[in-house]
């Protein structure tokens, strides 16, 4: 089976936060840096091929829209020391 691997990084240009997207086969890994934000203040919205990560810290709001290469569903989520790690799996069509 052909293995697909892609990696994209984005910085704070869009008013969001640093993040990395990696594609490996049927899985997508997203890593987002959210220092000084507690896990309870993070919201994930996954719609078709768009992942939106929103967070609040006091009166500051952060939002990052990440385009996905295909429809996906959330597989795993981990938040530790300001780093959010998501593993998304290809959705069954």
Protein backbone atom coordinates (compact mmCIF):
# COMPACT_ATOMS: atom_id res chain seq x y z
CA UNK A 1 0.00 0.00 0.00
CA UNK A 2 1.28 3.44 -0.93
CA UNK A 3 2.17 5.49 2.12
CA UNK A 4 1.32 9.16 2.03
CA UNK A 5 3.17 11.57 4.27
CA UNK A 6 2.77 15.31 4.39
CA UNK A 7 3.63 17.92 6.99
CA UNK A 8 2.44 21.52 7.25
CA UNK A 9 3.31 24.12 9.84
CA UNK A 10 1.60 27.40 10.52
CA UNK A 11 2.57 30.21 12.82
CA UNK A 12 0.60 33.02 14.42
CA UNK A 13 0.08 34.96 11.18
CA UNK A 14 -3.68 34.48 11.35
CA UNK A 15 -4.06 35.54 15.00
CA UNK A 16 -4.16 31.91 16.07
CA UNK A 17 -1.36 29.84 17.57
CA UNK A 18 1.46 27.66 16.22
CA UNK A 19 0.34 24.29 14.89
CA UNK A 20 1.59 21.37 12.80
CA UNK A 21 -0.42 18.99 10.61
CA UNK A 22 1.07 15.66 9.51
CA UNK A 23 -0.56 13.08 7.24
CA UNK A 24 0.51 9.45 7.38
CA UNK A 25 -1.66 6.97 5.51
CA UNK A 26 -5.24 7.22 6.78
CA UNK A 27 -4.32 9.29 9.84
CA UNK A 28 -3.82 12.97 10.41
CA UNK A 29 -1.90 14.27 13.42
CA UNK A 30 -2.41 17.85 14.55
CA UNK A 31 -0.19 19.39 17.20
CA UNK A 32 -1.11 22.84 18.53
CA UNK A 33 0.82 24.93 21.04
CA UNK A 34 -1.54 26.47 23.60
CA UNK A 35 0.64 27.67 26.47
CA UNK A 36 -1.06 29.28 29.47
CA UNK A 37 -4.45 27.79 28.49
CA UNK A 38 -6.22 25.10 30.50
CA UNK A 39 -7.80 22.09 28.80
CA UNK A 40 -11.30 23.15 29.89
CA UNK A 41 -10.93 26.35 27.84
CA UNK A 42 -10.28 24.50 24.55
CA UNK A 43 -13.07 23.74 22.09
CA UNK A 44 -12.79 21.47 19.04
CA UNK A 45 -15.18 21.60 16.09
CA UNK A 46 -14.75 19.09 13.29
CA UNK A 47 -16.89 19.68 10.21
CA UNK A 48 -16.33 17.74 7.00
CA UNK A 49 -12.77 18.75 6.05
CA UNK A 50 -12.31 21.62 8.49
CA UNK A 51 -10.98 21.45 12.05
CA UNK A 52 -11.51 24.53 14.20
CA UNK A 53 -9.62 24.84 17.49
CA UNK A 54 -10.83 27.66 19.75
CA UNK A 55 -9.47 28.66 23.15
CA UNK A 56 -9.94 31.42 25.68
CA UNK A 57 -7.58 32.80 28.29
CA UNK A 58 -9.19 35.53 30.34
CA UNK A 59 -10.40 38.13 27.87
CA UNK A 60 -8.22 36.84 25.01
CA UNK A 61 -9.67 34.49 22.41
CA UNK A 62 -7.72 32.34 19.99
CA UNK A 63 -9.04 30.51 16.95
CA UNK A 64 -7.34 28.36 14.34
CA UNK A 65 -8.98 26.90 11.24
CA UNK A 66 -7.15 23.94 9.75
CA UNK A 67 -8.10 22.48 6.37
CA UNK A 68 -7.94 18.69 6.27
CA UNK A 69 -7.16 16.62 3.16
CA UNK A 70 -10.28 14.47 3.66
CA UNK A 71 -13.28 13.94 5.94
CA UNK A 72 -12.06 12.77 9.33
CA UNK A 73 -13.23 11.82 12.79
CA UNK A 74 -11.46 12.31 16.11
CA UNK A 75 -9.44 9.28 17.14
CA UNK A 76 -7.33 10.41 20.09
CA UNK A 77 -6.91 13.64 22.02
CA UNK A 78 -4.14 14.48 24.47
CA UNK A 79 -3.37 17.76 26.23
CA UNK A 80 -0.24 18.09 28.32
CA UNK A 81 1.88 21.07 29.33
CA UNK A 82 0.25 23.42 26.83
CA UNK A 83 0.52 21.03 23.87
CA UNK A 84 -2.64 19.66 22.25
CA UNK A 85 -2.14 16.48 20.23
CA UNK A 86 -4.96 15.18 18.06
CA UNK A 87 -5.07 12.05 15.95
CA UNK A 88 -7.78 12.13 13.31
CA UNK A 89 -8.80 9.08 11.32
CA UNK A 90 -10.21 8.97 7.82
CA UNK A 91 -14.01 8.90 8.05
CA UNK A 92 -15.82 5.92 6.58
CA UNK A 93 -17.82 7.11 3.59
